[in-house]
């Protein structure tokens, strides 16, 4: 195939210029959301963080903010930081469409916290607990297989 002269390299379907144009438009929309004081501060903080880290969920977050939706509606009723961390950990462990957004909220929460290490340890505890409960028998089966392999080796 390398010596066949009729084979040509195909160009990507989307040009770099088009990609840059889309990213510039998304950045302008995100900046408009950040400057809009009618949008709640938590949503703006999450979008700011997503913009700074080039998060792939930025477009979805900006779309929700433009539609008047808060990306943290479900967390507003929680009283303590521990309750918020537990709820976010549970959402992240579900591995669904909301997991990435919950991870962004968790990261922004840790970043803005006066005690980020304490909250990070709390998040690890809750994530381990939720994931362990969801896969209890899988963990036990894996441990039994490991022990059995060592005993019978």
Protein backbone atom coordinates (compact mmCIF):
# COMPACT_ATOMS: atom_id res chain seq x y z
CA UNK A 1 0.00 0.00 0.00
CA UNK A 2 2.89 2.37 0.70
CA UNK A 3 4.17 1.97 -2.87
CA UNK A 4 0.79 2.46 -4.53
CA UNK A 5 0.89 5.94 -6.09
CA UNK A 6 -2.85 6.48 -6.49
CA UNK A 7 -3.46 6.50 -2.73
CA UNK A 8 -3.75 9.99 -1.26
CA UNK A 9 -4.02 11.29 2.24
CA UNK A 10 -7.54 12.52 3.02
CA UNK A 11 -7.98 15.89 4.65
CA UNK A 12 -10.08 16.06 7.82
CA UNK A 13 -13.69 16.98 7.23
CA UNK A 14 -13.65 19.92 9.65
CA UNK A 15 -11.00 22.51 8.99
CA UNK A 16 -8.88 24.05 11.72
CA UNK A 17 -10.30 27.47 10.81
CA UNK A 18 -13.85 26.23 11.31
CA UNK A 19 -12.94 24.68 14.66
CA UNK A 20 -11.30 27.93 15.78
CA UNK A 21 -14.36 29.90 14.70
CA UNK A 22 -16.64 27.64 16.74
CA UNK A 23 -14.36 27.83 19.79
CA UNK A 24 -14.16 31.64 19.51
CA UNK A 25 -17.96 31.87 19.36
CA UNK A 26 -18.29 29.57 22.37
CA UNK A 27 -15.75 31.64 24.30
CA UNK A 28 -17.68 34.83 23.51
CA UNK A 29 -20.95 33.21 24.66
CA UNK A 30 -19.28 32.00 27.87
CA UNK A 31 -17.87 35.49 28.53
CA UNK A 32 -21.36 36.95 28.01
CA UNK A 33 -22.72 34.51 30.61
CA UNK A 34 -19.94 35.45 33.03
CA UNK A 35 -20.79 39.14 32.63
CA UNK A 36 -24.54 38.59 33.05
CA UNK A 37 -25.33 39.39 36.69
CA UNK A 38 -28.85 37.95 36.36
CA UNK A 39 -27.31 34.45 36.24
CA UNK A 40 -26.65 32.97 39.68
CA UNK A 41 -23.06 33.19 40.96
CA UNK A 42 -22.63 29.42 41.30
CA UNK A 43 -23.47 28.84 37.65
CA UNK A 44 -21.10 31.62 36.60
CA UNK A 45 -18.32 30.15 38.77
CA UNK A 46 -18.75 26.73 37.18
CA UNK A 47 -18.74 28.21 33.68
CA UNK A 48 -15.65 30.30 34.53
CA UNK A 49 -13.88 27.15 35.70
CA UNK A 50 -14.96 25.20 32.62
CA UNK A 51 -13.74 28.03 30.38
CA UNK A 52 -10.35 28.20 32.13
CA UNK A 53 -9.82 24.44 31.86
CA UNK A 54 -11.20 24.05 28.31
CA UNK A 55 -13.72 21.56 29.62
CA UNK A 56 -15.65 19.66 26.93
CA UNK A 57 -18.90 20.36 28.83
CA UNK A 58 -18.52 24.13 28.40
CA UNK A 59 -20.93 24.26 25.44
CA UNK A 60 -23.61 22.36 27.36
CA UNK A 61 -23.17 24.52 30.47
CA UNK A 62 -23.39 27.74 28.44
CA UNK A 63 -26.47 26.42 26.63
CA UNK A 64 -28.18 25.67 29.95
CA UNK A 65 -27.26 29.10 31.35
CA UNK A 66 -28.54 30.81 28.18
CA UNK A 67 -31.82 28.91 28.61
CA UNK A 68 -32.14 30.22 32.16
CA UNK A 69 -31.37 26.88 33.80
CA UNK A 70 -29.09 26.67 36.81
CA UNK A 71 -26.49 23.93 36.62
CA UNK A 72 -26.70 23.49 40.39
CA UNK A 73 -30.49 23.50 40.96
CA UNK A 74 -30.49 20.15 42.73
CA UNK A 75 -27.82 21.28 45.19
CA UNK A 76 -29.39 24.56 46.30
CA UNK A 77 -31.46 22.96 49.06
CA UNK A 78 -28.47 21.32 50.76
CA UNK A 79 -27.45 23.00 54.00
CA UNK A 80 -23.91 21.90 54.78
CA UNK A 81 -20.85 21.49 52.58
CA UNK A 82 -20.77 17.81 53.56
CA UNK A 83 -24.32 17.31 52.24
CA UNK A 84 -23.36 19.02 49.00
CA UNK A 85 -20.20 16.90 48.66
CA UNK A 86 -22.16 13.72 49.34
CA UNK A 87 -24.77 14.60 46.69
CA UNK A 88 -22.08 15.44 44.14
CA UNK A 89 -20.17 12.22 44.88
CA UNK A 90 -23.32 10.21 44.39
CA UNK A 91 -24.03 11.90 41.03
CA UNK A 92 -20.43 11.34 39.88
CA UNK A 93 -20.57 7.64 40.80
CA UNK A 94 -23.76 7.13 38.77
CA UNK A 95 -21.71 7.65 35.58
CA UNK A 96 -24.52 9.26 33.62
CA UNK A 97 -24.95 12.50 31.67
CA UNK A 98 -24.76 14.60 34.85
CA UNK A 99 -21.49 13.11 36.13
CA UNK A 100 -19.19 15.51 34.30
CA UNK A 101 -21.20 18.53 35.41
CA UNK A 102 -21.18 17.26 39.01
CA UNK A 103 -17.41 16.84 38.82
CA UNK A 104 -17.08 20.45 37.65
CA UNK A 105 -19.27 21.63 40.53
CA UNK A 106 -17.21 19.58 42.97
CA UNK A 107 -13.95 21.01 41.64
CA UNK A 108 -15.27 24.57 41.82
CA UNK A 109 -16.53 23.92 45.36
CA UNK A 110 -13.12 22.64 46.43
CA UNK A 111 -11.37 25.54 44.73
CA UNK A 112 -13.49 28.14 46.53
CA UNK A 113 -13.44 26.39 49.92
CA UNK A 114 -11.55 27.67 52.95
CA UNK A 115 -10.68 24.03 53.81
CA UNK A 116 -10.25 22.24 50.46
CA UNK A 117 -8.32 19.26 51.88
CA UNK A 118 -11.08 18.46 54.35
CA UNK A 119 -13.74 18.61 51.64
CA UNK A 120 -11.56 16.56 49.25
CA UNK A 121 -11.19 13.84 51.88
CA UNK A 122 -14.94 13.96 52.48
CA UNK A 123 -15.55 13.61 48.74
CA UNK A 124 -13.17 10.62 48.54
CA UNK A 125 -14.95 8.97 51.47
CA UNK A 126 -18.41 9.43 49.95
CA UNK A 127 -17.29 8.41 46.45
CA UNK A 128 -15.68 5.23 47.79
CA UNK A 129 -18.76 4.43 49.84
CA UNK A 130 -21.21 5.01 46.95
CA UNK A 131 -19.10 3.17 44.39
CA UNK A 132 -18.49 0.34 46.83
CA UNK A 133 -22.20 -0.04 47.54
CA UNK A 134 -22.96 -0.05 43.82
CA UNK A 135 -20.40 -2.75 43.11
CA UNK A 136 -20.20 -4.64 46.38
CA UNK A 137 -20.36 -8.12 44.91
CA UNK A 138 -17.95 -7.24 42.10
CA UNK A 139 -15.36 -6.12 44.64
CA UNK A 140 -15.84 -9.23 46.74
CA UNK A 141 -15.60 -11.47 43.65
CA UNK A 142 -12.39 -9.76 42.56
CA UNK A 143 -10.84 -10.18 46.00
CA UNK A 144 -11.85 -13.85 46.17
CA UNK A 145 -10.30 -14.48 42.74
CA UNK A 146 -7.06 -12.80 43.82
CA UNK A 147 -6.84 -14.74 47.07
CA UNK A 148 -7.75 -18.00 45.32
CA UNK A 149 -5.03 -17.40 42.74
CA UNK A 150 -2.43 -16.82 45.44
CA UNK A 151 -3.49 -19.83 47.51
CA UNK A 152 -3.52 -22.26 44.61
CA UNK A 153 -0.34 -20.99 42.95
